[in-house]
Amino acid sequence: MPREVGLEAHEFEALGTSCSVFCVGAPHPRLVEAEHWVRSMGARLTRFSEQSEVGRLNAAAGRWCAIGPQLESLLGESLRAYEMSGGLVNVAVLPSMLAIGYARPLSEGRPVAAATVEARPAPALPAVLSIRPGSARLEAGAGIDLGGIAKGWMADRLVELLGPNSLANLGGDLMSVGAGPHGDGWPVSLAGTTLLLHDQGAATSSVRRRRWCGVHHLIDPRTGLPSGAGLEEVSVVAASGLEAEIVAKTALLIGPELAPAYCASHALAWWLSP
């Protein structure tokens, strides 16, 4: 995005991806504060650290575990995502992630093996996740990986920190508010097309990246295996970054025959790539 008068921009690496934030009429230090917030939330929500909130929740499976209000909100949204997607967006896929070798951030080295024979269908999320004020409980043997759900959720909240005319892009999960640098919306490129977004989110779900040993990271919870539904990438515009993430992932998992109808019911615009 080109620099415009009154537009502040800041790019950084976090959450294992490239991130950028933009704001009109705000001081640059606010964008740096936004980066610190992303890093702080990422450290709390990663499943790769035993010291994170998610790491402690996974380790406490079978017992109630104290959680902060942000994770409580995100777990509630994860249950909503499960219902909205008919069970296809299911954060309880951690056992499958581990079975395909995705046990550490890819920035620390690609997995060298994938034991897909150990993968199993993911359990229904409402059956293994319980939430009450200030705490949550996973059933014994269950584990969660918040993945793209966390990025969409974070992008939606990040624009609230940035200001009334801003955009947050966390590795392709983004949210915009306000009229943008020229007053006609925020220019965003999706599937080779530039759109002008105003109080809208967007997301891309893809199996073209994060690949190793013949597998990729996008798990179909119905099988516990990497998706093979026939779509490689789906980009979506929706009312929020989180909703765009949910719709894009669901569409990719249900495949090219059903995805158009699902997107027509849940998205403002979409692109499907076989």
Protein backbone atom coordinates (compact mmCIF):
# COMPACT_ATOMS: atom_id res chain seq x y z
CA MET A 1 0.00 0.00 0.00
CA PRO A 2 1.59 3.34 -1.00
CA ARG A 3 2.30 5.91 1.69
CA GLU A 4 -0.21 8.79 1.68
CA VAL A 5 -0.31 12.10 3.52
CA GLY A 6 -1.68 11.45 7.01
CA LEU A 7 -1.24 7.68 6.67
CA GLU A 8 1.02 5.93 9.13
CA ALA A 9 2.20 2.40 8.29
CA HIS A 10 4.15 -0.18 10.24
CA GLU A 11 5.28 -3.67 9.20
CA PHE A 12 6.68 -6.42 11.40
CA GLU A 13 7.08 -10.19 11.71
CA ALA A 14 4.96 -11.90 14.36
CA LEU A 15 2.72 -14.96 14.79
CA GLY A 16 5.00 -16.77 12.34
CA THR A 17 3.98 -14.48 9.49
CA SER A 18 4.22 -10.97 8.04
CA CYS A 19 1.99 -8.39 9.69
CA SER A 20 1.19 -4.76 8.89
CA VAL A 21 -0.90 -2.03 10.47
CA PHE A 22 -2.10 1.25 8.95
CA CYS A 23 -3.79 4.25 10.50
CA VAL A 24 -4.89 7.67 9.29
CA GLY A 25 -4.51 10.57 11.69
CA ALA A 26 -2.74 8.72 14.49
CA PRO A 27 0.85 9.04 15.75
CA HIS A 28 3.31 6.36 14.68
CA PRO A 29 3.98 5.24 18.28
CA ARG A 30 0.41 3.94 18.38
CA LEU A 31 1.30 1.52 15.57
CA VAL A 32 4.36 0.37 17.49
CA GLU A 33 2.11 -0.21 20.51
CA ALA A 34 -0.10 -2.30 18.25
CA GLU A 35 2.90 -4.48 17.34
CA HIS A 36 3.67 -4.99 21.04
CA TRP A 37 0.04 -6.01 21.63
CA VAL A 38 0.18 -8.55 18.80
CA ARG A 39 3.40 -10.04 20.16
CA SER A 40 2.00 -10.18 23.68
CA MET A 41 -1.25 -11.84 22.60
CA GLY A 42 0.62 -14.21 20.32
CA ALA A 43 2.78 -15.35 23.23
CA ARG A 44 -0.32 -15.98 25.32
CA LEU A 45 -2.26 -17.83 22.62
CA THR A 46 0.41 -20.02 21.00
CA ARG A 47 0.12 -23.76 21.46
CA PHE A 48 3.88 -24.17 20.97
CA SER A 49 4.81 -22.94 24.46
CA GLU A 50 4.00 -24.79 27.67
CA GLN A 51 4.05 -21.40 29.44
CA SER A 52 1.35 -19.77 27.29
CA GLU A 53 -2.29 -19.69 28.38
CA VAL A 54 -3.20 -22.13 25.64
CA GLY A 55 -0.23 -24.34 26.51
CA ARG A 56 -1.32 -24.48 30.15
CA LEU A 57 -4.92 -25.22 29.13
CA ASN A 58 -3.80 -28.08 26.90
CA ALA A 59 -1.54 -29.45 29.64
CA ALA A 60 -4.41 -29.31 32.15
CA ALA A 61 -6.77 -31.40 29.99
CA GLY A 62 -9.17 -33.19 32.30
CA ARG A 63 -9.16 -30.35 34.87
CA TRP A 64 -10.48 -26.81 35.09
CA CYS A 65 -7.82 -24.23 34.25
CA ALA A 66 -7.80 -20.49 35.03
CA ILE A 67 -7.80 -18.31 31.90
CA GLY A 68 -7.81 -14.59 31.18
CA PRO A 69 -10.72 -12.66 29.65
CA GLN A 70 -9.13 -12.57 26.17
CA LEU A 71 -8.75 -16.34 25.95
CA GLU A 72 -12.22 -16.76 27.42
CA SER A 73 -13.62 -14.56 24.65
CA LEU A 74 -11.62 -16.39 21.98
CA LEU A 75 -12.75 -19.81 23.18
CA GLY A 76 -16.34 -18.61 23.03
CA GLU A 77 -15.76 -17.44 19.46
CA SER A 78 -14.22 -20.84 18.66
CA LEU A 79 -17.45 -22.52 19.74
CA ARG A 80 -19.38 -20.08 17.55
CA ALA A 81 -17.06 -20.84 14.64
CA TYR A 82 -17.72 -24.56 15.14
CA GLU A 83 -21.47 -24.02 14.91
CA MET A 84 -21.27 -21.55 12.01
CA SER A 85 -19.15 -23.97 9.97
CA GLY A 86 -21.13 -27.10 10.73
CA GLY A 87 -18.18 -28.45 12.70
CA LEU A 88 -15.57 -27.88 10.00
CA VAL A 89 -13.76 -25.06 11.82
CA ASN A 90 -12.74 -27.02 14.90
CA VAL A 91 -9.86 -25.87 17.09
CA ALA A 92 -9.72 -29.34 18.73
CA VAL A 93 -7.38 -30.59 16.00
CA LEU A 94 -4.15 -30.46 18.02
CA PRO A 95 -3.75 -34.29 18.13
CA SER A 96 -3.90 -34.35 14.31
CA MET A 97 -1.41 -31.48 14.07
CA LEU A 98 1.01 -33.46 16.19
CA ALA A 99 0.34 -36.64 14.20
CA ILE A 100 1.43 -34.94 10.96
CA GLY A 101 4.59 -33.67 12.63
CA TYR A 102 3.58 -30.05 13.23
CA ALA A 103 4.96 -29.93 16.78
CA ARG A 104 7.01 -26.72 16.58
CA PRO A 105 6.88 -23.42 14.68
CA LEU A 106 8.01 -23.82 11.08
CA SER A 107 10.45 -20.97 11.69
CA GLU A 108 12.39 -23.45 13.83
CA GLY A 109 12.63 -25.97 11.00
CA ARG A 110 10.22 -27.99 8.91
CA PRO A 111 8.95 -31.31 10.28
CA VAL A 112 10.88 -34.25 8.87
CA ALA A 113 8.16 -36.88 9.12
CA ALA A 114 4.40 -37.20 9.19
CA ALA A 115 2.71 -40.14 10.93
CA THR A 116 -0.67 -39.70 9.26
CA VAL A 117 -1.67 -43.24 10.24
CA GLU A 118 -1.99 -41.91 13.80
CA ALA A 119 -4.45 -39.16 12.80
CA ARG A 120 -8.05 -39.53 13.92
CA PRO A 121 -11.21 -37.46 13.35
CA ALA A 122 -11.37 -34.52 15.72
CA PRO A 123 -13.94 -34.68 18.52
CA ALA A 124 -16.91 -32.32 18.47
CA LEU A 125 -15.65 -29.14 20.10
CA PRO A 126 -18.67 -28.63 22.40
CA ALA A 127 -18.11 -32.16 23.72
CA VAL A 128 -14.52 -31.49 24.82
CA LEU A 129 -14.47 -27.76 25.70
CA SER A 130 -16.34 -26.20 28.62
CA ILE A 131 -16.12 -22.54 29.60
CA ARG A 132 -17.17 -20.70 32.72
CA PRO A 133 -16.20 -17.18 33.89
CA GLY A 134 -12.45 -17.11 34.41
CA SER A 135 -11.76 -20.75 33.58
CA ALA A 136 -12.06 -23.45 30.95
CA ARG A 137 -11.79 -27.23 30.80
CA LEU A 138 -10.71 -29.60 28.07
CA GLU A 139 -11.61 -33.25 28.28
CA ALA A 140 -8.71 -35.61 28.92
CA GLY A 141 -6.87 -36.38 25.68
CA ALA A 142 -8.15 -33.25 23.92
CA GLY A 143 -6.02 -30.32 22.77
CA ILE A 144 -6.63 -27.09 20.88
CA ASP A 145 -4.78 -25.10 18.23
CA LEU A 146 -6.39 -21.68 17.74
CA GLY A 147 -4.53 -21.00 14.46
CA GLY A 148 -6.28 -18.67 12.02
CA ILE A 149 -9.21 -18.15 14.40
CA ALA A 150 -6.83 -16.31 16.73
CA LYS A 151 -5.47 -14.14 13.92
CA GLY A 152 -8.92 -13.08 12.74
CA TRP A 153 -10.01 -12.39 16.31
CA MET A 154 -6.87 -10.35 16.95
CA ALA A 155 -7.24 -8.30 13.76
CA ASP A 156 -10.79 -7.34 14.78
CA ARG A 157 -9.58 -6.08 18.14
CA LEU A 158 -6.43 -4.47 16.84
CA VAL A 159 -8.30 -1.86 14.81
CA GLU A 160 -10.07 -0.82 18.00
CA LEU A 161 -6.64 -0.02 19.46
CA LEU A 162 -5.41 1.72 16.31
CA GLY A 163 -8.26 4.16 15.85
CA PRO A 164 -11.43 4.86 13.82
CA ASN A 165 -9.68 4.90 10.43
CA SER A 166 -7.28 1.96 10.38
CA LEU A 167 -6.46 -1.45 8.99
CA ALA A 168 -4.76 -4.45 10.60
CA ASN A 169 -3.37 -7.30 8.50
CA LEU A 170 -2.07 -10.32 10.39
CA GLY A 171 -0.72 -12.69 7.78
CA GLY A 172 -3.74 -12.32 5.49
CA ASP A 173 -6.38 -12.15 8.21
CA LEU A 174 -7.37 -8.50 8.19
CA MET A 175 -9.92 -6.00 9.40
CA SER A 176 -10.57 -2.45 8.24
CA VAL A 177 -12.49 0.40 9.85
CA GLY A 178 -13.15 3.87 8.52
CA ALA A 179 -12.94 5.40 5.07
CA GLY A 180 -9.25 4.75 4.36
CA PRO A 181 -6.53 7.19 3.28
CA HIS A 182 -8.56 8.76 0.42
CA GLY A 183 -12.05 8.49 1.87
CA ASP A 184 -13.23 5.76 -0.49
CA GLY A 185 -12.18 2.72 1.52
CA TRP A 186 -9.02 0.78 2.32
CA PRO A 187 -7.37 -0.71 -0.82
CA VAL A 188 -6.79 -4.42 -0.32
CA SER A 189 -5.60 -6.93 -2.93
CA LEU A 190 -7.32 -10.32 -2.94
CA ALA A 191 -6.84 -12.95 -5.64
CA GLY A 192 -5.26 -10.34 -7.93
CA THR A 193 -8.16 -7.90 -7.51
CA THR A 194 -7.95 -4.63 -5.56
CA LEU A 195 -10.99 -3.94 -3.41
CA LEU A 196 -11.89 -0.92 -1.30
CA LEU A 197 -12.97 -2.11 2.15
CA HIS A 198 -14.87 -0.02 4.67
CA ASP A 199 -15.65 -1.61 8.05
CA GLN A 200 -15.05 -5.05 6.55
CA GLY A 201 -12.71 -7.97 7.08
CA ALA A 202 -10.98 -10.37 4.73
CA ALA A 203 -9.11 -13.65 4.97
CA THR A 204 -7.44 -16.25 2.77
CA SER A 205 -7.31 -19.95 3.59
CA SER A 206 -4.73 -21.89 1.60
CA VAL A 207 -2.98 -25.25 1.39
CA ARG A 208 -0.23 -23.84 -0.84
CA ARG A 209 1.99 -22.85 2.07
CA ARG A 210 3.11 -24.62 5.23
CA ARG A 211 3.75 -27.89 3.41
CA TRP A 212 6.24 -30.66 4.17
CA CYS A 213 6.71 -34.35 3.38
CA GLY A 214 3.64 -34.41 1.15
CA VAL A 215 1.25 -32.93 3.74
CA HIS A 216 0.03 -29.46 4.70
CA HIS A 217 -1.24 -27.85 7.89
CA LEU A 218 -4.97 -27.45 7.11
CA ILE A 219 -6.69 -30.34 8.89
CA ASP A 220 -10.12 -31.64 7.91
CA PRO A 221 -11.63 -32.48 11.32
CA ARG A 222 -13.87 -35.12 9.74
CA THR A 223 -10.84 -37.27 8.98
CA GLY A 224 -8.06 -35.79 11.10
CA LEU A 225 -5.97 -35.58 7.93
CA PRO A 226 -4.84 -32.65 5.77
CA SER A 227 -7.68 -31.48 3.54
CA GLY A 228 -7.99 -32.96 0.08
CA ALA A 229 -11.37 -31.46 -0.81
CA GLY A 230 -10.27 -30.08 -4.18
CA LEU A 231 -9.65 -26.41 -3.44
CA GLU A 232 -6.19 -24.99 -2.84
CA GLU A 233 -7.09 -21.44 -1.82
CA VAL A 234 -10.18 -19.45 -0.84
CA SER A 235 -10.29 -15.69 -0.23
CA VAL A 236 -13.29 -14.07 1.40
CA VAL A 237 -14.60 -10.63 2.37
CA ALA A 238 -17.02 -10.59 5.32
CA ALA A 239 -18.28 -8.36 8.09
CA SER A 240 -15.22 -9.01 10.28
CA GLY A 241 -11.81 -10.60 10.08
CA LEU A 242 -12.94 -13.52 12.23
CA GLU A 243 -16.02 -14.22 10.12
CA ALA A 244 -13.92 -14.03 6.96
CA GLU A 245 -11.50 -16.59 8.43
CA ILE A 246 -14.36 -18.93 9.36
CA VAL A 247 -16.01 -18.71 5.94
CA ALA A 248 -12.76 -19.08 3.99
CA LYS A 249 -11.68 -22.18 5.91
CA THR A 250 -15.12 -23.76 5.74
CA ALA A 251 -15.36 -23.18 2.00
CA LEU A 252 -11.96 -24.70 1.39
CA LEU A 253 -12.86 -27.79 3.44
CA ILE A 254 -16.24 -28.44 1.80
CA GLY A 255 -14.73 -28.28 -1.68
CA PRO A 256 -15.59 -26.74 -5.06
CA GLU A 257 -19.12 -28.11 -5.42
CA LEU A 258 -20.55 -26.74 -2.16
CA ALA A 259 -18.26 -23.78 -1.51
CA PRO A 260 -20.01 -21.29 -3.84
CA ALA A 261 -23.38 -21.72 -2.14
CA TYR A 262 -21.83 -21.51 1.33
CA CYS A 263 -19.93 -18.35 0.44
CA ALA A 264 -23.04 -16.80 -1.12
CA SER A 265 -24.83 -17.27 2.21
CA HIS A 266 -22.03 -16.05 4.48
CA ALA A 267 -19.66 -13.73 2.60
CA LEU A 268 -19.76 -10.38 0.85
CA ALA A 269 -17.31 -11.48 -1.86
CA TRP A 270 -15.18 -14.58 -2.49
CA TRP A 271 -12.67 -16.24 -4.81
CA LEU A 272 -12.10 -19.99 -5.15
CA SER A 273 -8.91 -21.48 -6.55
CA PRO A 274 -8.78 -25.22 -7.39
